[in-house]
Amino acid sequence: MAVEDVTISSKNESATGGCACGCGHDDSVPALDVRAVPHAIRHATVFGALGAIAPGFALDLVAPHDPKPLLAQIEQREPGAFDVRYLESGPESWTLRLTRR
């Protein structure tokens, strides 16, 4: 099986690399494109990434299909923890913004 890199990137990165405070942190919403992640570990990858999202912050998830089963698993694992908003709905990819409450 071939190994492919998975990229977590930030949309809307500013030229200064984040906020105006100069500390270097990035306040933009990171995007996790799981289309290149093998199906066998795709949900676990998303769970790990969501575990790093602090309350009030978000993650944009890019998936190859409508991730309704994944959303049900997230709700089962952490009831009421995330607001979900569809940013793009197919047919090639779905992008959802998951914001931790």
Foldseek 3Di string as FASTA:
>chain_A
DDDDDWDWAFPPQDPLQDDPPSPNDHQGAIEGELQPPPPVCSLVVVVVVVVPADAQGKHKYKYQAPPPVSVVVVCVVPPPQWDKDWPDHDDRITIIITHGD
